[in-house]
């Protein structure tokens, strides 16, 4: 099968969880967020947030930078935002 098809399917599969969509939307709205800030915005436990951040980071959807001991997360693939917004706002 075509590599682009496999890649696209794997990205869509990664996006296929409501917590990950929520994380991406919150990071997009705020440009850059720490784990604690994401946890507070979504009201989800830190271990769960960290798990989903790891999945998103592994796929290259988000990236992080260090500020002291804190990791700050930002969107790496800007096209992901367009995909989510199209689907989110298309649902009635």
C-alpha atoms as a PDB file:
ATOM      1  CA  UNK A   1       0.000   0.000   0.000  1.00  0.00           C
ATOM      2  CA  UNK A   2       1.048   3.580  -0.620  1.00  0.00           C
ATOM      3  CA  UNK A   3       3.213   5.134   2.142  1.00  0.00           C
ATOM      4  CA  UNK A   4       1.179   8.367   2.060  1.00  0.00           C
ATOM      5  CA  UNK A   5      -2.030   6.394   2.598  1.00  0.00           C
ATOM      6  CA  UNK A   6      -0.504   4.543   5.555  1.00  0.00           C
ATOM      7  CA  UNK A   7       0.823   7.774   7.038  1.00  0.00           C
ATOM      8  CA  UNK A   8      -2.523   9.553   6.666  1.00  0.00           C
ATOM      9  CA  UNK A   9      -4.405   6.637   8.212  1.00  0.00           C
ATOM     10  CA  UNK A  10      -1.997   6.492  11.165  1.00  0.00           C
ATOM     11  CA  UNK A  11      -2.371  10.238  11.844  1.00  0.00           C
ATOM     12  CA  UNK A  12      -6.167   9.996  11.682  1.00  0.00           C
ATOM     13  CA  UNK A  13      -6.059   6.998  14.012  1.00  0.00           C
ATOM     14  CA  UNK A  14      -3.931   9.009  16.449  1.00  0.00           C
ATOM     15  CA  UNK A  15      -6.484  11.825  16.335  1.00  0.00           C
ATOM     16  CA  UNK A  16      -9.285   9.338  16.971  1.00  0.00           C
ATOM     17  CA  UNK A  17      -9.516   9.913  20.721  1.00  0.00           C
ATOM     18  CA  UNK A  18     -11.505  12.759  22.333  1.00  0.00           C
ATOM     19  CA  UNK A  19      -8.803  13.530  24.896  1.00  0.00           C
ATOM     20  CA  UNK A  20      -6.177  13.947  22.171  1.00  0.00           C
ATOM     21  CA  UNK A  21      -8.509  16.189  20.156  1.00  0.00           C
ATOM     22  CA  UNK A  22      -9.132  18.240  23.301  1.00  0.00           C
ATOM     23  CA  UNK A  23      -5.409  18.543  23.992  1.00  0.00           C
ATOM     24  CA  UNK A  24      -4.719  19.718  20.446  1.00  0.00           C
ATOM     25  CA  UNK A  25      -7.555  22.265  20.569  1.00  0.00           C
ATOM     26  CA  UNK A  26      -6.404  23.682  23.919  1.00  0.00           C
ATOM     27  CA  UNK A  27      -2.794  23.943  22.792  1.00  0.00           C
ATOM     28  CA  UNK A  28      -3.952  25.639  19.586  1.00  0.00           C
ATOM     29  CA  UNK A  29      -6.098  28.148  21.523  1.00  0.00           C
ATOM     30  CA  UNK A  30      -3.234  28.997  23.901  1.00  0.00           C
ATOM     31  CA  UNK A  31      -0.257  28.480  21.522  1.00  0.00           C
ATOM     32  CA  UNK A  32       1.871  26.757  24.167  1.00  0.00           C
ATOM     33  CA  UNK A  33       0.893  24.926  27.368  1.00  0.00           C
ATOM     34  CA  UNK A  34       2.447  22.907  30.180  1.00  0.00           C
ATOM     35  CA  UNK A  35       1.065  19.533  31.308  1.00  0.00           C
ATOM     36  CA  UNK A  36      -0.403  21.218  34.396  1.00  0.00           C
ATOM     37  CA  UNK A  37      -2.167  23.848  32.316  1.00  0.00           C
ATOM     38  CA  UNK A  38      -3.614  21.204  29.969  1.00  0.00           C
ATOM     39  CA  UNK A  39      -4.703  19.151  32.978  1.00  0.00           C
ATOM     40  CA  UNK A  40      -6.500  22.141  34.489  1.00  0.00           C
ATOM     41  CA  UNK A  41      -8.173  23.148  31.224  1.00  0.00           C
ATOM     42  CA  UNK A  42      -9.465  19.655  30.483  1.00  0.00           C
ATOM     43  CA  UNK A  43      -9.987  18.536  34.104  1.00  0.00           C
ATOM     44  CA  UNK A  44      -8.244  15.222  33.427  1.00  0.00           C
ATOM     45  CA  UNK A  45      -5.567  13.617  35.616  1.00  0.00           C
ATOM     46  CA  UNK A  46      -1.901  14.327  34.896  1.00  0.00           C
ATOM     47  CA  UNK A  47      -0.949  10.697  34.140  1.00  0.00           C
ATOM     48  CA  UNK A  48      -3.706  10.467  31.514  1.00  0.00           C
ATOM     49  CA  UNK A  49      -2.681  13.783  29.947  1.00  0.00           C
ATOM     50  CA  UNK A  50       0.969  12.673  29.878  1.00  0.00           C
ATOM     51  CA  UNK A  51       0.042   9.408  28.172  1.00  0.00           C
ATOM     52  CA  UNK A  52      -1.845  11.203  25.405  1.00  0.00           C
ATOM     53  CA  UNK A  53       0.844  13.883  25.030  1.00  0.00           C
ATOM     54  CA  UNK A  54       3.368  11.085  24.497  1.00  0.00           C
ATOM     55  CA  UNK A  55       1.253   9.544  21.738  1.00  0.00           C
ATOM     56  CA  UNK A  56       0.812  12.913  19.998  1.00  0.00           C
ATOM     57  CA  UNK A  57       4.500  13.716  20.346  1.00  0.00           C
ATOM     58  CA  UNK A  58       5.573  10.315  18.981  1.00  0.00           C
ATOM     59  CA  UNK A  59       3.536  10.979  15.814  1.00  0.00           C
ATOM     60  CA  UNK A  60       5.066  14.451  15.438  1.00  0.00           C
ATOM     61  CA  UNK A  61       1.727  16.211  15.869  1.00  0.00           C
ATOM     62  CA  UNK A  62       3.003  18.192  18.855  1.00  0.00           C
ATOM     63  CA  UNK A  63       6.453  19.008  20.120  1.00  0.00           C
ATOM     64  CA  UNK A  64       7.836  20.367  23.357  1.00  0.00           C
ATOM     65  CA  UNK A  65      10.507  22.630  24.705  1.00  0.00           C
ATOM     66  CA  UNK A  66      11.943  22.861  28.203  1.00  0.00           C
ATOM     67  CA  UNK A  67      11.604  25.862  30.474  1.00  0.00           C
ATOM     68  CA  UNK A  68      13.429  24.922  33.635  1.00  0.00           C
ATOM     69  CA  UNK A  69      11.903  21.631  34.765  1.00  0.00           C
ATOM     70  CA  UNK A  70       8.695  22.253  32.843  1.00  0.00           C
ATOM     71  CA  UNK A  71       7.907  20.891  29.387  1.00  0.00           C
ATOM     72  CA  UNK A  72       5.882  23.263  27.242  1.00  0.00           C
ATOM     73  CA  UNK A  73       3.871  21.760  24.395  1.00  0.00           C
ATOM     74  CA  UNK A  74       3.022  23.332  21.049  1.00  0.00           C
ATOM     75  CA  UNK A  75       1.534  22.212  17.739  1.00  0.00           C
ATOM     76  CA  UNK A  76       4.166  20.912  15.330  1.00  0.00           C
ATOM     77  CA  UNK A  77       1.883  20.003  12.399  1.00  0.00           C
ATOM     78  CA  UNK A  78      -0.318  23.015  11.677  1.00  0.00           C
ATOM     79  CA  UNK A  79      -2.405  21.062   9.146  1.00  0.00           C
ATOM     80  CA  UNK A  80      -3.808  18.987  12.020  1.00  0.00           C
ATOM     81  CA  UNK A  81      -5.645  22.058  13.306  1.00  0.00           C
ATOM     82  CA  UNK A  82      -7.387  22.475   9.961  1.00  0.00           C
ATOM     83  CA  UNK A  83      -8.493  18.834   9.951  1.00  0.00           C
ATOM     84  CA  UNK A  84      -9.880  19.062  13.492  1.00  0.00           C
ATOM     85  CA  UNK A  85     -11.624  22.384  12.880  1.00  0.00           C
ATOM     86  CA  UNK A  86     -13.269  21.131   9.693  1.00  0.00           C
ATOM     87  CA  UNK A  87     -14.589  18.022  11.439  1.00  0.00           C
ATOM     88  CA  UNK A  88     -15.486  19.781  14.707  1.00  0.00           C
ATOM     89  CA  UNK A  89     -17.399  22.659  13.133  1.00  0.00           C
ATOM     90  CA  UNK A  90     -18.968  20.446  10.471  1.00  0.00           C
ATOM     91  CA  UNK A  91     -20.721  18.392  13.150  1.00  0.00           C
ATOM     92  CA  UNK A  92     -24.054  19.966  13.991  1.00  0.00           C
END
